Amino acid sequence: MKKLFIIPALALIAFFFLQATVKDNYSVNTETTVFDEQIPAHVKTVIDQKCYGCHNADSKNDKGKEKLDWDVFEESRKAKQLATMSKINEALVNGDMPPAKYLENKPEGKLSEAELKTLLDWSAGKKKSPKE
């Protein structure tokens, strides 16, 4: 008879545990994240000058806008933005952006060291102003 009570009791405990876990996974701890909802102005300037041309909804570069559309990025949820920032950081660290083929035709698209550092710092989640 005791076994009949143990199974429902364990199921109930598991249910409450899962409920607490699900709530924790979907809550954003704004105190520990360095992410701002808005892209800082000094970062936005670099993006507008060097990245936006290929990475927007109206771009003729289908591959570029498929990989990253800045208009969609700004409207997406924080979690999606953070994941995208990680991919941006990886592409910059690997030297994949801007692509060498693009730079052959448009050498002015090359990121300066300061621009690269700005994008790397931002995409790595470092919160810095341009004067720091």
Protein backbone atom coordinates (compact mmCIF):
# COMPACT_ATOMS: atom_id res chain seq x y z
CA MET A 1 0.00 0.00 0.00
CA LYS A 2 2.87 2.38 0.77
CA LYS A 3 4.26 1.84 -2.72
CA LEU A 4 1.07 3.27 -4.19
CA PHE A 5 1.66 6.55 -2.37
CA ILE A 6 5.37 6.78 -3.19
CA ILE A 7 4.90 6.85 -6.97
CA PRO A 8 2.42 9.79 -7.02
CA ALA A 9 4.50 11.62 -4.41
CA LEU A 10 7.64 11.27 -6.53
CA ALA A 11 5.73 12.37 -9.63
CA LEU A 12 4.47 15.46 -7.78
CA ILE A 13 7.97 16.32 -6.57
CA ALA A 14 9.34 15.89 -10.09
CA PHE A 15 6.58 18.13 -11.47
CA PHE A 16 7.39 20.97 -9.07
CA PHE A 17 11.11 20.58 -9.71
CA LEU A 18 10.59 20.80 -13.48
CA GLN A 19 8.35 23.85 -13.12
CA ALA A 20 11.05 25.65 -11.13
CA THR A 21 13.73 24.65 -13.65
CA VAL A 22 11.71 25.84 -16.66
CA LYS A 23 11.07 29.21 -15.04
CA ASP A 24 14.79 29.63 -14.28
CA ASN A 25 15.78 28.82 -17.87
CA TYR A 26 13.56 31.52 -19.32
CA SER A 27 14.33 34.32 -16.90
CA VAL A 28 17.04 36.79 -17.83
CA ASN A 29 19.34 37.86 -15.05
CA THR A 30 19.96 41.46 -16.02
CA GLU A 31 22.40 41.98 -13.16
CA THR A 32 24.98 39.52 -14.51
CA THR A 33 24.74 40.28 -18.21
CA VAL A 34 26.70 43.09 -19.83
CA PHE A 35 24.39 43.17 -22.80
CA ASP A 36 22.47 46.33 -23.62
CA GLU A 37 19.36 46.12 -25.74
CA GLN A 38 20.66 48.97 -27.86
CA ILE A 39 23.85 48.70 -29.86
CA PRO A 40 26.22 51.38 -28.51
CA ALA A 41 26.64 54.37 -30.84
CA HIS A 42 30.36 53.80 -31.46
CA VAL A 43 29.67 50.18 -32.43
CA LYS A 44 26.68 51.13 -34.57
CA THR A 45 28.88 53.58 -36.47
CA VAL A 46 31.30 50.80 -37.45
CA ILE A 47 28.42 48.46 -38.34
CA ASP A 48 26.76 51.12 -40.50
CA GLN A 49 30.00 51.93 -42.33
CA LYS A 50 31.46 48.45 -42.78
CA CYS A 51 28.83 45.74 -42.25
CA TYR A 52 25.32 46.99 -42.98
CA GLY A 53 25.77 47.17 -46.77
CA CYS A 54 25.83 43.37 -47.08
CA HIS A 55 23.92 42.43 -43.95
CA ASN A 56 20.46 43.98 -44.33
CA ALA A 57 17.11 42.92 -45.72
CA ASP A 58 17.51 44.96 -48.92
CA SER A 59 21.02 43.74 -49.72
CA LYS A 60 21.70 42.07 -53.05
CA ASN A 61 24.10 39.78 -51.19
CA ASP A 62 21.77 36.89 -50.37
CA LYS A 63 24.41 34.96 -48.45
CA GLY A 64 25.29 38.00 -46.33
CA LYS A 65 21.74 38.84 -45.36
CA GLU A 66 20.95 35.16 -44.73
CA LYS A 67 23.86 34.88 -42.28
CA LEU A 68 23.10 38.17 -40.52
CA ASP A 69 20.46 40.82 -41.06
CA TRP A 70 21.13 43.79 -38.77
CA ASP A 71 17.49 44.92 -38.98
CA VAL A 72 16.30 41.53 -37.72
CA PHE A 73 19.12 41.44 -35.13
CA GLU A 74 17.95 44.64 -33.47
CA GLU A 75 14.37 43.39 -33.23
CA SER A 76 15.22 39.91 -31.92
CA ARG A 77 15.21 38.67 -28.34
CA LYS A 78 18.22 39.10 -26.09
CA ALA A 79 19.09 35.41 -26.15
CA LYS A 80 19.11 35.35 -29.96
CA GLN A 81 21.18 38.54 -30.05
CA LEU A 82 23.72 37.08 -27.65
CA ALA A 83 24.02 33.92 -29.75
CA THR A 84 24.47 36.03 -32.88
CA MET A 85 27.08 38.18 -31.15
CA SER A 86 29.03 35.02 -30.38
CA LYS A 87 28.95 34.04 -34.07
CA ILE A 88 30.01 37.57 -35.06
CA ASN A 89 32.92 37.39 -32.65
CA GLU A 90 33.99 34.01 -34.02
CA ALA A 91 33.86 35.29 -37.63
CA LEU A 92 35.95 38.33 -36.70
CA VAL A 93 38.51 36.33 -34.71
CA ASN A 94 38.86 33.84 -37.59
CA GLY A 95 39.28 36.68 -40.08
CA ASP A 96 36.21 35.59 -42.04
CA MET A 97 34.68 39.07 -42.03
CA PRO A 98 34.84 41.01 -44.14
CA PRO A 99 35.50 38.27 -46.70
CA ALA A 100 38.73 38.41 -48.69
CA LYS A 101 36.81 38.18 -51.98
CA TYR A 102 34.77 41.26 -51.02
CA LEU A 103 37.92 43.17 -50.07
CA GLU A 104 39.47 42.43 -53.48
CA ASN A 105 36.76 44.57 -55.08
CA LYS A 106 36.24 47.01 -52.20
CA PRO A 107 39.45 47.49 -50.21
CA GLU A 108 37.83 50.40 -48.38
CA GLY A 109 35.67 47.81 -46.62
CA LYS A 110 38.66 46.54 -44.62
CA LEU A 111 38.28 47.06 -40.89
CA SER A 112 40.92 49.21 -39.25
CA GLU A 113 42.50 47.85 -36.09
CA ALA A 114 40.37 50.23 -34.01
CA GLU A 115 37.17 49.19 -35.81
CA LEU A 116 38.03 45.51 -35.40
CA LYS A 117 38.73 46.02 -31.70
CA THR A 118 35.42 47.88 -31.28
CA LEU A 119 33.46 45.03 -32.87
CA LEU A 120 35.43 42.34 -31.04
CA ASP A 121 34.93 44.01 -27.65
CA TRP A 122 31.22 44.50 -28.26
CA SER A 123 30.61 41.02 -29.65
CA ALA A 124 32.52 39.51 -26.70
CA GLY A 125 30.18 41.35 -24.33
CA LYS A 126 32.69 43.86 -23.06
CA LYS A 127 31.02 47.07 -22.05
CA LYS A 128 33.26 49.94 -23.02
CA SER A 129 32.77 53.46 -24.18
CA PRO A 130 34.87 54.72 -27.09
CA LYS A 131 36.98 56.89 -24.72
CA GLU A 132 38.08 54.01 -22.46
